[in-house]
Amino acid sequence: VVNDQVDKIYTTGLVPMTELAHIAYDYQGIRLSYRDMIIETEPSKIESKITDVEEAIKRIDKVLNDYEKGLRSEQGRILFEKFKDNYKTMIGHVRSIYSLCRSNDDEAALVIRNGILRESNLKAKAAFDEMLEAKLEYAQQIGNEAEQVAANALYVLIILSIIGVILAVTIGFFITKNIQTIILKLADC
């Protein structure tokens, strides 16, 4: 029972939390890269930032795919789809500024960044925060269940120990009584 609880904590609590941390890290990397992409004027540095964004998108997409496979609740699926939709919208807006950055049309890129990209980013972040909060609540629930399992295991161990002591004393008493009876009979002979 305890091992089952440990497996549950690992597969439905720890692993998804780690996946969310990877998503958050790469998501922030995307935000920094598209900001830097707009600031840069040198074509090779702009292309490097675009490559950074695309690599982070690939990593996030892979983690999202793995995360989705581990979803257990309907609420989790709803929150995940909400984040995924907002994230995809944001990525579409990020990709829309690539050509503007390549042509150094920073004004137009900033209009997108400060307008629809910012709005979609805020929606994606809010959806991610909801998903993270739900996962934290679920992890707390699993932790509470694990504590209960551990407490129950302790009570079972104490009860079994008491039964063992009572059984040992009882058996010891009967063995001593039998040996005493045999010794008394031998002494009478």
C-alpha atoms as a PDB file:
ATOM      1  CA  VAL A   1       0.000   0.000   0.000  1.00  0.00           C
ATOM      2  CA  VAL A   2       2.807   2.387   0.885  1.00  0.00           C
ATOM      3  CA  ASN A   3       4.665   1.566  -2.348  1.00  0.00           C
ATOM      4  CA  ASP A   4       1.491   2.228  -4.340  1.00  0.00           C
ATOM      5  CA  GLN A   5       1.177   5.612  -2.671  1.00  0.00           C
ATOM      6  CA  VAL A   6       4.830   6.430  -3.420  1.00  0.00           C
ATOM      7  CA  ASP A   7       4.306   5.470  -7.086  1.00  0.00           C
ATOM      8  CA  LYS A   8       1.193   7.663  -7.211  1.00  0.00           C
ATOM      9  CA  ILE A   9       3.093  10.607  -5.745  1.00  0.00           C
ATOM     10  CA  TYR A  10       5.881  10.159  -8.288  1.00  0.00           C
ATOM     11  CA  THR A  11       3.785   9.610 -11.419  1.00  0.00           C
ATOM     12  CA  THR A  12       0.915  12.007 -10.785  1.00  0.00           C
ATOM     13  CA  GLY A  13       2.631  14.599  -8.610  1.00  0.00           C
ATOM     14  CA  LEU A  14       6.380  14.912  -9.002  1.00  0.00           C
ATOM     15  CA  VAL A  15       6.760  14.113 -12.716  1.00  0.00           C
ATOM     16  CA  PRO A  16       4.020  16.531 -13.842  1.00  0.00           C
ATOM     17  CA  MET A  17       5.421  19.263 -11.584  1.00  0.00           C
ATOM     18  CA  THR A  18       8.834  18.763 -13.178  1.00  0.00           C
ATOM     19  CA  GLU A  19       7.262  18.952 -16.631  1.00  0.00           C
ATOM     20  CA  LEU A  20       5.520  22.203 -15.692  1.00  0.00           C
ATOM     21  CA  ALA A  21       8.845  23.604 -14.501  1.00  0.00           C
ATOM     22  CA  HIS A  22      10.408  22.774 -17.882  1.00  0.00           C
ATOM     23  CA  ILE A  23       7.508  24.462 -19.676  1.00  0.00           C
ATOM     24  CA  ALA A  24       7.846  27.579 -17.490  1.00  0.00           C
ATOM     25  CA  TYR A  25      11.600  27.755 -18.109  1.00  0.00           C
ATOM     26  CA  ASP A  26      11.319  27.468 -21.894  1.00  0.00           C
ATOM     27  CA  TYR A  27       8.279  29.750 -21.979  1.00  0.00           C
ATOM     28  CA  GLN A  28      10.295  32.471 -20.262  1.00  0.00           C
ATOM     29  CA  GLY A  29      13.144  31.806 -22.711  1.00  0.00           C
ATOM     30  CA  ILE A  30      10.752  32.408 -25.613  1.00  0.00           C
ATOM     31  CA  ARG A  31       9.636  35.700 -24.112  1.00  0.00           C
ATOM     32  CA  LEU A  32      13.222  36.893 -23.636  1.00  0.00           C
ATOM     33  CA  SER A  33      14.248  35.762 -27.119  1.00  0.00           C
ATOM     34  CA  TYR A  34      11.439  37.553 -28.939  1.00  0.00           C
ATOM     35  CA  ARG A  35      12.190  40.697 -26.941  1.00  0.00           C
ATOM     36  CA  ASP A  36      15.864  40.432 -27.919  1.00  0.00           C
ATOM     37  CA  MET A  37      14.899  39.608 -31.503  1.00  0.00           C
ATOM     38  CA  ILE A  38      13.195  42.983 -31.812  1.00  0.00           C
ATOM     39  CA  ILE A  39      16.122  44.848 -30.220  1.00  0.00           C
ATOM     40  CA  GLU A  40      18.781  43.198 -32.398  1.00  0.00           C
ATOM     41  CA  THR A  41      19.795  44.786 -35.680  1.00  0.00           C
ATOM     42  CA  GLU A  42      22.390  42.276 -36.848  1.00  0.00           C
ATOM     43  CA  PRO A  43      20.812  39.586 -39.071  1.00  0.00           C
ATOM     44  CA  SER A  44      22.856  36.699 -37.622  1.00  0.00           C
ATOM     45  CA  LYS A  45      21.802  37.590 -34.058  1.00  0.00           C
ATOM     46  CA  ILE A  46      18.165  37.902 -35.122  1.00  0.00           C
ATOM     47  CA  GLU A  47      18.348  34.473 -36.761  1.00  0.00           C
ATOM     48  CA  SER A  48      19.992  33.094 -33.606  1.00  0.00           C
ATOM     49  CA  LYS A  49      17.090  34.377 -31.488  1.00  0.00           C
ATOM     50  CA  ILE A  50      14.559  32.928 -33.941  1.00  0.00           C
ATOM     51  CA  THR A  51      16.377  29.584 -33.675  1.00  0.00           C
ATOM     52  CA  ASP A  52      16.298  29.852 -29.875  1.00  0.00           C
ATOM     53  CA  VAL A  53      12.534  30.450 -29.980  1.00  0.00           C
ATOM     54  CA  GLU A  54      11.906  27.544 -32.351  1.00  0.00           C
ATOM     55  CA  GLU A  55      14.019  25.162 -30.256  1.00  0.00           C
ATOM     56  CA  ALA A  56      12.169  26.197 -27.095  1.00  0.00           C
ATOM     57  CA  ILE A  57       8.836  25.688 -28.899  1.00  0.00           C
ATOM     58  CA  LYS A  58       9.908  22.156 -29.874  1.00  0.00           C
ATOM     59  CA  ARG A  59      10.899  21.364 -26.290  1.00  0.00           C
ATOM     60  CA  ILE A  60       7.637  22.758 -24.916  1.00  0.00           C
ATOM     61  CA  ASP A  61       5.599  20.849 -27.513  1.00  0.00           C
ATOM     62  CA  LYS A  62       7.332  17.606 -26.513  1.00  0.00           C
ATOM     63  CA  VAL A  63       6.743  18.232 -22.803  1.00  0.00           C
ATOM     64  CA  LEU A  64       3.118  19.213 -23.473  1.00  0.00           C
ATOM     65  CA  ASN A  65       2.630  15.952 -25.330  1.00  0.00           C
ATOM     66  CA  ASP A  66       4.116  13.956 -22.424  1.00  0.00           C
ATOM     67  CA  TYR A  67       2.148  15.974 -19.874  1.00  0.00           C
ATOM     68  CA  GLU A  68      -1.121  15.398 -21.731  1.00  0.00           C
ATOM     69  CA  LYS A  69      -0.606  11.612 -21.592  1.00  0.00           C
ATOM     70  CA  GLY A  70      -0.453  11.778 -17.795  1.00  0.00           C
ATOM     71  CA  LEU A  71      -3.626  13.799 -17.252  1.00  0.00           C
ATOM     72  CA  ARG A  72      -6.051  11.954 -14.982  1.00  0.00           C
ATOM     73  CA  SER A  73      -8.914  14.349 -14.283  1.00  0.00           C
ATOM     74  CA  GLU A  74     -11.419  16.176 -16.452  1.00  0.00           C
ATOM     75  CA  GLN A  75     -10.525  19.431 -14.696  1.00  0.00           C
ATOM     76  CA  GLY A  76      -6.865  18.834 -15.555  1.00  0.00           C
ATOM     77  CA  ARG A  77      -7.737  18.245 -19.211  1.00  0.00           C
ATOM     78  CA  ILE A  78      -9.848  21.422 -19.371  1.00  0.00           C
ATOM     79  CA  LEU A  79      -7.088  23.543 -17.835  1.00  0.00           C
ATOM     80  CA  PHE A  80      -4.490  21.924 -20.083  1.00  0.00           C
ATOM     81  CA  GLU A  81      -6.514  22.615 -23.245  1.00  0.00           C
ATOM     82  CA  LYS A  82      -7.068  26.209 -22.144  1.00  0.00           C
ATOM     83  CA  PHE A  83      -3.332  26.715 -21.689  1.00  0.00           C
ATOM     84  CA  LYS A  84      -2.468  24.891 -24.903  1.00  0.00           C
ATOM     85  CA  ASP A  85      -4.905  27.007 -26.960  1.00  0.00           C
ATOM     86  CA  ASN A  86      -3.623  30.272 -25.485  1.00  0.00           C
ATOM     87  CA  TYR A  87      -0.002  29.147 -25.867  1.00  0.00           C
ATOM     88  CA  LYS A  88      -0.521  28.223 -29.538  1.00  0.00           C
ATOM     89  CA  THR A  89      -2.140  31.619 -30.183  1.00  0.00           C
ATOM     90  CA  MET A  90       0.812  33.347 -28.525  1.00  0.00           C
ATOM     91  CA  ILE A  91       3.308  31.322 -30.576  1.00  0.00           C
ATOM     92  CA  GLY A  92       1.459  32.304 -33.744  1.00  0.00           C
ATOM     93  CA  HIS A  93       1.922  35.967 -32.799  1.00  0.00           C
ATOM     94  CA  VAL A  94       5.606  35.391 -31.974  1.00  0.00           C
ATOM     95  CA  ARG A  95       6.141  33.826 -35.400  1.00  0.00           C
ATOM     96  CA  SER A  96       4.345  36.752 -37.029  1.00  0.00           C
ATOM     97  CA  ILE A  97       7.140  39.124 -35.971  1.00  0.00           C
ATOM     98  CA  TYR A  98       9.973  37.046 -37.490  1.00  0.00           C
ATOM     99  CA  SER A  99       9.800  38.788 -40.875  1.00  0.00           C
ATOM    100  CA  LEU A 100       9.439  42.188 -39.212  1.00  0.00           C
ATOM    101  CA  CYS A 101      12.559  41.556 -37.135  1.00  0.00           C
ATOM    102  CA  ARG A 102      14.472  40.285 -40.166  1.00  0.00           C
ATOM    103  CA  SER A 103      13.684  43.530 -41.984  1.00  0.00           C
ATOM    104  CA  ASN A 104      14.420  45.550 -38.830  1.00  0.00           C
ATOM    105  CA  ASP A 105      10.890  46.952 -38.790  1.00  0.00           C
ATOM    106  CA  ASP A 106      11.072  47.330 -35.032  1.00  0.00           C
ATOM    107  CA  GLU A 107       8.123  49.718 -34.823  1.00  0.00           C
ATOM    108  CA  ALA A 108       5.712  47.240 -36.384  1.00  0.00           C
ATOM    109  CA  ALA A 109       7.187  44.398 -34.296  1.00  0.00           C
ATOM    110  CA  LEU A 110       6.736  46.456 -31.120  1.00  0.00           C
ATOM    111  CA  VAL A 111       3.124  47.220 -32.013  1.00  0.00           C
ATOM    112  CA  ILE A 112       2.468  43.464 -32.244  1.00  0.00           C
ATOM    113  CA  ARG A 113       4.519  42.724 -29.114  1.00  0.00           C
ATOM    114  CA  ASN A 114       2.792  45.404 -27.067  1.00  0.00           C
ATOM    115  CA  GLY A 115      -0.656  44.584 -28.462  1.00  0.00           C
ATOM    116  CA  ILE A 116      -1.910  41.154 -29.490  1.00  0.00           C
ATOM    117  CA  LEU A 117       1.271  39.322 -28.459  1.00  0.00           C
ATOM    118  CA  ARG A 118       1.170  40.815 -24.986  1.00  0.00           C
ATOM    119  CA  GLU A 119      -2.534  40.007 -24.638  1.00  0.00           C
ATOM    120  CA  SER A 120      -2.079  36.404 -25.779  1.00  0.00           C
ATOM    121  CA  ASN A 121       0.965  36.068 -23.538  1.00  0.00           C
ATOM    122  CA  LEU A 122      -1.028  37.231 -20.512  1.00  0.00           C
ATOM    123  CA  LYS A 123      -3.823  34.769 -21.322  1.00  0.00           C
ATOM    124  CA  ALA A 124      -1.361  31.912 -21.740  1.00  0.00           C
ATOM    125  CA  LYS A 125       0.394  32.816 -18.486  1.00  0.00           C
ATOM    126  CA  ALA A 126      -2.913  33.013 -16.607  1.00  0.00           C
ATOM    127  CA  ALA A 127      -3.960  29.620 -17.991  1.00  0.00           C
ATOM    128  CA  PHE A 128      -0.575  28.161 -17.043  1.00  0.00           C
ATOM    129  CA  ASP A 129      -0.903  29.568 -13.523  1.00  0.00           C
ATOM    130  CA  GLU A 130      -4.361  27.956 -13.201  1.00  0.00           C
ATOM    131  CA  MET A 131      -2.960  24.638 -14.395  1.00  0.00           C
ATOM    132  CA  LEU A 132      -0.047  24.904 -11.958  1.00  0.00           C
ATOM    133  CA  GLU A 133      -2.326  25.821  -9.038  1.00  0.00           C
ATOM    134  CA  ALA A 134      -4.575  22.831  -9.753  1.00  0.00           C
ATOM    135  CA  LYS A 135      -1.526  20.548  -9.889  1.00  0.00           C
ATOM    136  CA  LEU A 136      -0.239  21.955  -6.591  1.00  0.00           C
ATOM    137  CA  GLU A 137      -3.620  21.329  -4.959  1.00  0.00           C
ATOM    138  CA  TYR A 138      -3.613  17.776  -6.332  1.00  0.00           C
ATOM    139  CA  ALA A 139      -0.067  17.222  -5.048  1.00  0.00           C
ATOM    140  CA  GLN A 140      -1.159  18.443  -1.608  1.00  0.00           C
ATOM    141  CA  GLN A 141      -4.086  16.022  -1.684  1.00  0.00           C
ATOM    142  CA  ILE A 142      -1.776  13.140  -2.628  1.00  0.00           C
ATOM    143  CA  GLY A 143       0.595  14.165   0.163  1.00  0.00           C
ATOM    144  CA  ASN A 144      -2.245  14.129   2.684  1.00  0.00           C
ATOM    145  CA  GLU A 145      -3.301  10.675   1.473  1.00  0.00           C
ATOM    146  CA  ALA A 146       0.292   9.470   1.815  1.00  0.00           C
ATOM    147  CA  GLU A 147       0.445  10.779   5.378  1.00  0.00           C
ATOM    148  CA  GLN A 148      -2.773   8.909   6.179  1.00  0.00           C
ATOM    149  CA  VAL A 149      -1.393   5.696   4.667  1.00  0.00           C
ATOM    150  CA  ALA A 150       1.797   6.094   6.699  1.00  0.00           C
ATOM    151  CA  ALA A 151      -0.188   6.753   9.897  1.00  0.00           C
ATOM    152  CA  ASN A 152      -2.356   3.689   9.249  1.00  0.00           C
ATOM    153  CA  ALA A 153       0.748   1.597   8.605  1.00  0.00           C
ATOM    154  CA  LEU A 154       2.180   2.775  11.934  1.00  0.00           C
ATOM    155  CA  TYR A 155      -1.005   1.775  13.774  1.00  0.00           C
ATOM    156  CA  VAL A 156      -0.961  -1.650  12.103  1.00  0.00           C
ATOM    157  CA  LEU A 157       2.694  -2.069  13.071  1.00  0.00           C
ATOM    158  CA  ILE A 158       1.977  -1.140  16.702  1.00  0.00           C
ATOM    159  CA  ILE A 159      -1.012  -3.500  16.882  1.00  0.00           C
ATOM    160  CA  LEU A 160       0.982  -6.353  15.347  1.00  0.00           C
ATOM    161  CA  SER A 161       3.832  -5.685  17.789  1.00  0.00           C
ATOM    162  CA  ILE A 162       1.438  -5.813  20.758  1.00  0.00           C
ATOM    163  CA  ILE A 163      -0.129  -9.037  19.446  1.00  0.00           C
ATOM    164  CA  GLY A 164       3.382 -10.461  18.959  1.00  0.00           C
ATOM    165  CA  VAL A 165       4.406  -9.606  22.539  1.00  0.00           C
ATOM    166  CA  ILE A 166       1.187 -11.099  23.958  1.00  0.00           C
ATOM    167  CA  LEU A 167       1.662 -14.233  21.839  1.00  0.00           C
ATOM    168  CA  ALA A 168       5.324 -14.555  22.888  1.00  0.00           C
ATOM    169  CA  VAL A 169       4.459 -14.191  26.584  1.00  0.00           C
ATOM    170  CA  THR A 170       1.601 -16.709  26.290  1.00  0.00           C
ATOM    171  CA  ILE A 171       3.732 -19.265  24.453  1.00  0.00           C
ATOM    172  CA  GLY A 172       6.564 -18.686  26.904  1.00  0.00           C
ATOM    173  CA  PHE A 173       4.182 -19.223  29.815  1.00  0.00           C
ATOM    174  CA  PHE A 174       2.882 -22.553  28.399  1.00  0.00           C
ATOM    175  CA  ILE A 175       6.356 -23.791  27.531  1.00  0.00           C
ATOM    176  CA  THR A 176       7.591 -22.893  31.001  1.00  0.00           C
ATOM    177  CA  LYS A 177       4.551 -24.597  32.558  1.00  0.00           C
ATOM    178  CA  ASN A 178       5.137 -27.763  30.460  1.00  0.00           C
ATOM    179  CA  ILE A 179       8.848 -27.856  31.298  1.00  0.00           C
ATOM    180  CA  GLN A 180       8.069 -27.289  34.988  1.00  0.00           C
ATOM    181  CA  THR A 181       5.545 -30.145  34.916  1.00  0.00           C
ATOM    182  CA  ILE A 182       8.070 -32.484  33.270  1.00  0.00           C
ATOM    183  CA  ILE A 183      10.787 -31.529  35.751  1.00  0.00           C
ATOM    184  CA  LEU A 184       8.435 -32.082  38.712  1.00  0.00           C
ATOM    185  CA  LYS A 185       7.432 -35.525  37.363  1.00  0.00           C
ATOM    186  CA  LEU A 186      11.102 -36.461  36.894  1.00  0.00           C
ATOM    187  CA  ALA A 187      11.896 -35.263  40.389  1.00  0.00           C
ATOM    188  CA  ASP A 188       9.091 -37.448  41.802  1.00  0.00           C
ATOM    189  CA  CYS A 189      10.517 -40.555  40.114  1.00  0.00           C
END
